[in-house]
């Protein structure tokens, strides 16, 4: 098998495991924010949720690029 394929599969699986393991923590932070809108701690928790969304989006984009790149190298 191709090294690029293994890198792609590893990146997708490791990223998926990391993101799903952080999901429960982000849900509890969101529940805290909705209950305590006026608290200063809410802004730091909301910032971490925003960064989690940004990193999830970046992981998805990089995963798609790796898949397209592998198909291009394998079939092209």
PDB file of N, CA and C in Angstrom:
ATOM      1  N   UNK A   1       0.838  -1.188   0.000  1.00  0.00           N
ATOM      2  CA  UNK A   1       0.000   0.000   0.000  1.00  0.00           C
ATOM      3  C   UNK A   1       0.881   1.250   0.000  1.00  0.00           C
ATOM      4  N   UNK A   2       0.302   2.307  -0.392  1.00  0.00           N
ATOM      5  CA  UNK A   2       0.976   3.579  -0.542  1.00  0.00           C
ATOM      6  C   UNK A   2       1.122   4.288   0.809  1.00  0.00           C
ATOM      7  N   UNK A   3       2.253   4.975   1.011  1.00  0.00           N
ATOM      8  CA  UNK A   3       2.484   5.715   2.250  1.00  0.00           C
ATOM      9  C   UNK A   3       1.485   6.860   2.408  1.00  0.00           C
ATOM     10  N   UNK A   4       1.149   7.531   1.320  1.00  0.00           N
ATOM     11  CA  UNK A   4       0.184   8.622   1.389  1.00  0.00           C
ATOM     12  C   UNK A   4      -1.187   8.135   1.849  1.00  0.00           C
ATOM     13  N   UNK A   5      -1.559   6.936   1.441  1.00  0.00           N
ATOM     14  CA  UNK A   5      -2.829   6.363   1.883  1.00  0.00           C
ATOM     15  C   UNK A   5      -2.813   6.136   3.390  1.00  0.00           C
ATOM     16  N   UNK A   6      -1.710   5.597   3.916  1.00  0.00           N
ATOM     17  CA  UNK A   6      -1.622   5.347   5.356  1.00  0.00           C
ATOM     18  C   UNK A   6      -1.605   6.652   6.148  1.00  0.00           C
ATOM     19  N   UNK A   7      -0.949   7.659   5.633  1.00  0.00           N
ATOM     20  CA  UNK A   7      -0.959   8.975   6.296  1.00  0.00           C
ATOM     21  C   UNK A   7      -2.373   9.528   6.313  1.00  0.00           C
ATOM     22  N   UNK A   8      -3.074   9.414   5.200  1.00  0.00           N
ATOM     23  CA  UNK A   8      -4.448   9.909   5.113  1.00  0.00           C
ATOM     24  C   UNK A   8      -5.370   9.173   6.085  1.00  0.00           C
ATOM     25  N   UNK A   9      -5.296   7.849   6.076  1.00  0.00           N
ATOM     26  CA  UNK A   9      -6.147   7.056   6.972  1.00  0.00           C
ATOM     27  C   UNK A   9      -5.820   7.350   8.428  1.00  0.00           C
ATOM     28  N   UNK A  10      -4.533   7.425   8.761  1.00  0.00           N
ATOM     29  CA  UNK A  10      -4.128   7.727  10.133  1.00  0.00           C
ATOM     30  C   UNK A  10      -4.591   9.097  10.585  1.00  0.00           C
ATOM     31  N   UNK A  11      -4.450  10.096   9.704  1.00  0.00           N
ATOM     32  CA  UNK A  11      -4.876  11.456  10.040  1.00  0.00           C
ATOM     33  C   UNK A  11      -6.373  11.511  10.289  1.00  0.00           C
ATOM     34  N   UNK A  12      -7.142  10.837   9.462  1.00  0.00           N
ATOM     35  CA  UNK A  12      -8.597  10.853   9.612  1.00  0.00           C
ATOM     36  C   UNK A  12      -9.016  10.122  10.878  1.00  0.00           C
ATOM     37  N   UNK A  13      -8.455   8.965  11.136  1.00  0.00           N
ATOM     38  CA  UNK A  13      -8.856   8.190  12.315  1.00  0.00           C
ATOM     39  C   UNK A  13      -8.430   8.880  13.605  1.00  0.00           C
ATOM     40  N   UNK A  14      -7.183   9.340  13.682  1.00  0.00           N
ATOM     41  CA  UNK A  14      -6.717  10.018  14.895  1.00  0.00           C
ATOM     42  C   UNK A  14      -7.505  11.297  15.129  1.00  0.00           C
ATOM     43  N   UNK A  15      -7.746  12.069  14.091  1.00  0.00           N
ATOM     44  CA  UNK A  15      -8.525  13.296  14.233  1.00  0.00           C
ATOM     45  C   UNK A  15      -9.946  13.017  14.684  1.00  0.00           C
ATOM     46  N   UNK A  16     -10.552  11.972  14.139  1.00  0.00           N
ATOM     47  CA  UNK A  16     -11.920  11.621  14.531  1.00  0.00           C
ATOM     48  C   UNK A  16     -11.980  11.199  15.993  1.00  0.00           C
ATOM     49  N   UNK A  17     -11.010  10.424  16.437  1.00  0.00           N
ATOM     50  CA  UNK A  17     -10.972   9.993  17.840  1.00  0.00           C
ATOM     51  C   UNK A  17     -10.791  11.186  18.766  1.00  0.00           C
ATOM     52  N   UNK A  18      -9.896  12.093  18.419  1.00  0.00           N
ATOM     53  CA  UNK A  18      -9.653  13.270  19.253  1.00  0.00           C
ATOM     54  C   UNK A  18     -10.893  14.163  19.312  1.00  0.00           C
ATOM     55  N   UNK A  19     -11.513  14.403  18.171  1.00  0.00           N
ATOM     56  CA  UNK A  19     -12.676  15.287  18.148  1.00  0.00           C
ATOM     57  C   UNK A  19     -13.867  14.688  18.881  1.00  0.00           C
ATOM     58  N   UNK A  20     -14.094  13.398  18.746  1.00  0.00           N
ATOM     59  CA  UNK A  20     -15.219  12.790  19.455  1.00  0.00           C
ATOM     60  C   UNK A  20     -14.948  12.693  20.950  1.00  0.00           C
ATOM     61  N   UNK A  21     -13.682  12.542  21.350  1.00  0.00           N
ATOM     62  CA  UNK A  21     -13.388  12.513  22.776  1.00  0.00           C
ATOM     63  C   UNK A  21     -13.577  13.892  23.409  1.00  0.00           C
ATOM     64  N   UNK A  22     -13.398  14.947  22.641  1.00  0.00           N
ATOM     65  CA  UNK A  22     -13.585  16.308  23.160  1.00  0.00           C
ATOM     66  C   UNK A  22     -15.042  16.760  23.097  1.00  0.00           C
ATOM     67  N   UNK A  23     -15.877  16.041  22.398  1.00  0.00           N
ATOM     68  CA  UNK A  23     -17.258  16.460  22.171  1.00  0.00           C
ATOM     69  C   UNK A  23     -18.040  16.623  23.477  1.00  0.00           C
ATOM     70  N   UNK A  24     -17.925  15.681  24.388  1.00  0.00           N
ATOM     71  CA  UNK A  24     -18.670  15.728  25.639  1.00  0.00           C
ATOM     72  C   UNK A  24     -18.249  16.939  26.476  1.00  0.00           C
ATOM     73  N   UNK A  25     -16.964  17.236  26.477  1.00  0.00           N
ATOM     74  CA  UNK A  25     -16.462  18.402  27.203  1.00  0.00           C
ATOM     75  C   UNK A  25     -17.033  19.696  26.611  1.00  0.00           C
ATOM     76  N   UNK A  26     -17.103  19.770  25.301  1.00  0.00           N
ATOM     77  CA  UNK A  26     -17.650  20.962  24.654  1.00  0.00           C
ATOM     78  C   UNK A  26     -19.154  21.109  24.933  1.00  0.00           C
ATOM     79  N   UNK A  27     -19.864  19.991  25.005  1.00  0.00           N
ATOM     80  CA  UNK A  27     -21.287  20.054  25.330  1.00  0.00           C
ATOM     81  C   UNK A  27     -21.506  20.573  26.746  1.00  0.00           C
ATOM     82  N   UNK A  28     -20.659  20.167  27.691  1.00  0.00           N
ATOM     83  CA  UNK A  28     -20.805  20.663  29.062  1.00  0.00           C
ATOM     84  C   UNK A  28     -20.444  22.144  29.155  1.00  0.00           C
ATOM     85  N   UNK A  29     -19.456  22.582  28.382  1.00  0.00           N
ATOM     86  CA  UNK A  29     -19.122  24.006  28.354  1.00  0.00           C
ATOM     87  C   UNK A  29     -20.269  24.818  27.770  1.00  0.00           C
ATOM     88  N   UNK A  30     -20.903  24.300  26.728  1.00  0.00           N
ATOM     89  CA  UNK A  30     -22.030  25.003  26.131  1.00  0.00           C
ATOM     90  C   UNK A  30     -23.204  25.095  27.095  1.00  0.00           C
ATOM     91  N   UNK A  31     -23.452  24.036  27.855  1.00  0.00           N
ATOM     92  CA  UNK A  31     -24.515  24.067  28.853  1.00  0.00           C
ATOM     93  C   UNK A  31     -24.207  25.089  29.932  1.00  0.00           C
ATOM     94  N   UNK A  32     -22.943  25.193  30.338  1.00  0.00           N
ATOM     95  CA  UNK A  32     -22.555  26.190  31.331  1.00  0.00           C
ATOM     96  C   UNK A  32     -22.769  27.606  30.802  1.00  0.00           C
ATOM     97  N   UNK A  33     -22.418  27.815  29.546  1.00  0.00           N
ATOM     98  CA  UNK A  33     -22.558  29.150  28.948  1.00  0.00           C
ATOM     99  C   UNK A  33     -24.025  29.553  28.872  1.00  0.00           C
ATOM    100  N   UNK A  34     -24.896  28.633  28.474  1.00  0.00           N
ATOM    101  CA  UNK A  34     -26.308  28.981  28.346  1.00  0.00           C
ATOM    102  C   UNK A  34     -26.950  29.257  29.703  1.00  0.00           C
ATOM    103  N   UNK A  35     -26.443  28.635  30.763  1.00  0.00           N
ATOM    104  CA  UNK A  35     -26.991  28.900  32.098  1.00  0.00           C
ATOM    105  C   UNK A  35     -26.419  30.167  32.727  1.00  0.00           C
ATOM    106  N   UNK A  36     -25.179  30.496  32.428  1.00  0.00           N
ATOM    107  CA  UNK A  36     -24.493  31.629  33.057  1.00  0.00           C
ATOM    108  C   UNK A  36     -24.023  32.612  31.988  1.00  0.00           C
ATOM    109  N   UNK A  37     -24.933  33.326  31.404  1.00  0.00           N
ATOM    110  CA  UNK A  37     -24.585  34.247  30.319  1.00  0.00           C
ATOM    111  C   UNK A  37     -23.728  35.422  30.797  1.00  0.00           C
ATOM    112  N   UNK A  38     -23.924  35.873  32.025  1.00  0.00           N
ATOM    113  CA  UNK A  38     -23.258  37.078  32.507  1.00  0.00           C
ATOM    114  C   UNK A  38     -21.890  36.803  33.129  1.00  0.00           C
ATOM    115  N   UNK A  39     -21.539  35.578  33.328  1.00  0.00           N
ATOM    116  CA  UNK A  39     -20.300  35.219  34.015  1.00  0.00           C
ATOM    117  C   UNK A  39     -19.093  35.463  33.120  1.00  0.00           C
ATOM    118  N   UNK A  40     -17.962  35.887  33.749  1.00  0.00           N
ATOM    119  CA  UNK A  40     -16.739  36.113  32.978  1.00  0.00           C
ATOM    120  C   UNK A  40     -16.166  34.814  32.443  1.00  0.00           C
ATOM    121  N   UNK A  41     -16.386  33.745  33.160  1.00  0.00           N
ATOM    122  CA  UNK A  41     -15.869  32.446  32.736  1.00  0.00           C
ATOM    123  C   UNK A  41     -16.540  31.979  31.443  1.00  0.00           C
ATOM    124  N   UNK A  42     -17.724  32.495  31.165  1.00  0.00           N
ATOM    125  CA  UNK A  42     -18.438  32.113  29.946  1.00  0.00           C
ATOM    126  C   UNK A  42     -17.680  32.532  28.700  1.00  0.00           C
ATOM    127  N   UNK A  43     -17.009  33.680  28.767  1.00  0.00           N
ATOM    128  CA  UNK A  43     -16.285  34.144  27.575  1.00  0.00           C
ATOM    129  C   UNK A  43     -15.094  33.240  27.268  1.00  0.00           C
ATOM    130  N   UNK A  44     -14.400  32.751  28.290  1.00  0.00           N
ATOM    131  CA  UNK A  44     -13.270  31.858  28.024  1.00  0.00           C
ATOM    132  C   UNK A  44     -13.755  30.501  27.535  1.00  0.00           C
ATOM    133  N   UNK A  45     -14.884  30.042  28.074  1.00  0.00           N
ATOM    134  CA  UNK A  45     -15.428  28.771  27.614  1.00  0.00           C
ATOM    135  C   UNK A  45     -15.952  28.891  26.188  1.00  0.00           C
ATOM    136  N   UNK A  46     -16.571  30.030  25.865  1.00  0.00           N
ATOM    137  CA  UNK A  46     -17.064  30.202  24.496  1.00  0.00           C
ATOM    138  C   UNK A  46     -15.904  30.310  23.515  1.00  0.00           C
ATOM    139  N   UNK A  47     -14.805  30.889  23.951  1.00  0.00           N
ATOM    140  CA  UNK A  47     -13.634  30.970  23.080  1.00  0.00           C
ATOM    141  C   UNK A  47     -13.084  29.574  22.785  1.00  0.00           C
ATOM    142  N   UNK A  48     -13.083  28.702  23.779  1.00  0.00           N
ATOM    143  CA  UNK A  48     -12.589  27.345  23.540  1.00  0.00           C
ATOM    144  C   UNK A  48     -13.528  26.571  22.611  1.00  0.00           C
ATOM    145  N   UNK A  49     -14.822  26.830  22.710  1.00  0.00           N
ATOM    146  CA  UNK A  49     -15.769  26.187  21.802  1.00  0.00           C
ATOM    147  C   UNK A  49     -15.552  26.668  20.371  1.00  0.00           C
ATOM    148  N   UNK A  50     -15.297  27.957  20.207  1.00  0.00           N
ATOM    149  CA  UNK A  50     -15.040  28.509  18.876  1.00  0.00           C
ATOM    150  C   UNK A  50     -13.782  27.884  18.277  1.00  0.00           C
ATOM    151  N   UNK A  51     -12.720  27.746  19.077  1.00  0.00           N
ATOM    152  CA  UNK A  51     -11.496  27.132  18.582  1.00  0.00           C
ATOM    153  C   UNK A  51     -11.706  25.665  18.245  1.00  0.00           C
ATOM    154  N   UNK A  52     -12.583  24.976  18.994  1.00  0.00           N
ATOM    155  CA  UNK A  52     -12.881  23.575  18.692  1.00  0.00           C
ATOM    156  C   UNK A  52     -13.588  23.477  17.332  1.00  0.00           C
ATOM    157  N   UNK A  53     -14.506  24.391  17.069  1.00  0.00           N
ATOM    158  CA  UNK A  53     -15.206  24.409  15.783  1.00  0.00           C
ATOM    159  C   UNK A  53     -14.227  24.712  14.645  1.00  0.00           C
ATOM    160  N   UNK A  54     -13.331  25.679  14.854  1.00  0.00           N
ATOM    161  CA  UNK A  54     -12.338  26.025  13.836  1.00  0.00           C
ATOM    162  C   UNK A  54     -11.418  24.838  13.560  1.00  0.00           C
ATOM    163  N   UNK A  55     -10.968  24.176  14.616  1.00  0.00           N
ATOM    164  CA  UNK A  55     -10.068  23.034  14.418  1.00  0.00           C
ATOM    165  C   UNK A  55     -10.779  21.860  13.755  1.00  0.00           C
ATOM    166  N   UNK A  56     -12.065  21.665  14.075  1.00  0.00           N
ATOM    167  CA  UNK A  56     -12.838  20.611  13.417  1.00  0.00           C
ATOM    168  C   UNK A  56     -12.980  20.900  11.924  1.00  0.00           C
ATOM    169  N   UNK A  57     -13.233  22.144  11.599  1.00  0.00           N
ATOM    170  CA  UNK A  57     -13.349  22.537  10.195  1.00  0.00           C
ATOM    171  C   UNK A  57     -12.020  22.352   9.464  1.00  0.00           C
ATOM    172  N   UNK A  58     -10.928  22.760  10.105  1.00  0.00           N
ATOM    173  CA  UNK A  58      -9.601  22.599   9.487  1.00  0.00           C
ATOM    174  C   UNK A  58      -9.271  21.125   9.296  1.00  0.00           C
ATOM    175  N   UNK A  59      -9.609  20.292  10.285  1.00  0.00           N
ATOM    176  CA  UNK A  59      -9.368  18.851  10.162  1.00  0.00           C
ATOM    177  C   UNK A  59     -10.146  18.277   8.980  1.00  0.00           C
ATOM    178  N   UNK A  60     -11.393  18.703   8.813  1.00  0.00           N
ATOM    179  CA  UNK A  60     -12.209  18.219   7.700  1.00  0.00           C
ATOM    180  C   UNK A  60     -11.659  18.638   6.353  1.00  0.00           C
ATOM    181  N   UNK A  61     -11.211  19.876   6.261  1.00  0.00           N
ATOM    182  CA  UNK A  61     -10.664  20.377   4.993  1.00  0.00           C
ATOM    183  C   UNK A  61      -9.369  19.651   4.638  1.00  0.00           C
ATOM    184  N   UNK A  62      -8.485  19.490   5.623  1.00  0.00           N
ATOM    185  CA  UNK A  62      -7.226  18.786   5.368  1.00  0.00           C
ATOM    186  C   UNK A  62      -7.494  17.330   5.003  1.00  0.00           C
ATOM    187  N   UNK A  63      -8.475  16.708   5.651  1.00  0.00           N
ATOM    188  CA  UNK A  63      -8.822  15.321   5.318  1.00  0.00           C
ATOM    189  C   UNK A  63      -9.290  15.214   3.876  1.00  0.00           C
ATOM    190  N   UNK A  64     -10.132  16.135   3.443  1.00  0.00           N
ATOM    191  CA  UNK A  64     -10.602  16.112   2.054  1.00  0.00           C
ATOM    192  C   UNK A  64      -9.458  16.337   1.074  1.00  0.00           C
ATOM    193  N   UNK A  65      -8.555  17.254   1.408  1.00  0.00           N
ATOM    194  CA  UNK A  65      -7.407  17.511   0.530  1.00  0.00           C
ATOM    195  C   UNK A  65      -6.533  16.267   0.423  1.00  0.00           C
ATOM    196  N   UNK A  66      -6.295  15.582   1.560  1.00  0.00           N
ATOM    197  CA  UNK A  66      -5.478  14.369   1.525  1.00  0.00           C
ATOM    198  C   UNK A  66      -6.131  13.271   0.689  1.00  0.00           C
ATOM    199  N   UNK A  67      -7.443  13.124   0.794  1.00  0.00           N
ATOM    200  CA  UNK A  67      -8.142  12.104   0.010  1.00  0.00           C
ATOM    201  C   UNK A  67      -8.055  12.414  -1.479  1.00  0.00           C
ATOM    202  N   UNK A  68      -8.299  13.670  -1.847  1.00  0.00           N
ATOM    203  CA  UNK A  68      -8.215  14.058  -3.259  1.00  0.00           C
ATOM    204  C   UNK A  68      -6.796  13.895  -3.772  1.00  0.00           C
ATOM    205  N   UNK A  69      -5.813  14.259  -2.945  1.00  0.00           N
ATOM    206  CA  UNK A  69      -4.414  14.136  -3.333  1.00  0.00           C
ATOM    207  C   UNK A  69      -4.043  12.662  -3.561  1.00  0.00           C
ATOM    208  N   UNK A  70      -4.521  11.773  -2.679  1.00  0.00           N
ATOM    209  CA  UNK A  70      -4.239  10.348  -2.840  1.00  0.00           C
ATOM    210  C   UNK A  70      -4.878   9.811  -4.120  1.00  0.00           C
ATOM    211  N   UNK A  71      -6.159  10.169  -4.373  1.00  0.00           N
ATOM    212  CA  UNK A  71      -6.815   9.722  -5.601  1.00  0.00           C
ATOM    213  C   UNK A  71      -6.080  10.230  -6.838  1.00  0.00           C
ATOM    214  N   UNK A  72      -5.628  11.475  -6.767  1.00  0.00           N
ATOM    215  CA  UNK A  72      -4.897  12.051  -7.903  1.00  0.00           C
ATOM    216  C   UNK A  72      -3.590  11.302  -8.153  1.00  0.00           C
ATOM    217  N   UNK A  73      -2.877  10.952  -7.094  1.00  0.00           N
ATOM    218  CA  UNK A  73      -1.607  10.230  -7.255  1.00  0.00           C
ATOM    219  C   UNK A  73      -1.837   8.778  -7.655  1.00  0.00           C
ATOM    220  N   UNK A  74      -2.892   8.160  -7.139  1.00  0.00           N
ATOM    221  CA  UNK A  74      -3.128   6.736  -7.379  1.00  0.00           C
ATOM    222  C   UNK A  74      -3.714   6.480  -8.758  1.00  0.00           C
ATOM    223  N   UNK A  75      -4.685   7.291  -9.166  1.00  0.00           N
ATOM    224  CA  UNK A  75      -5.365   7.075 -10.429  1.00  0.00           C
ATOM    225  C   UNK A  75      -4.878   7.990 -11.550  1.00  0.00           C
ATOM    226  N   UNK A  76      -4.098   8.999 -11.195  1.00  0.00           N
ATOM    227  CA  UNK A  76      -3.711   9.986 -12.193  1.00  0.00           C
ATOM    228  C   UNK A  76      -2.451   9.756 -12.845  1.00  0.00           C
TER     229      UNK A  76
END
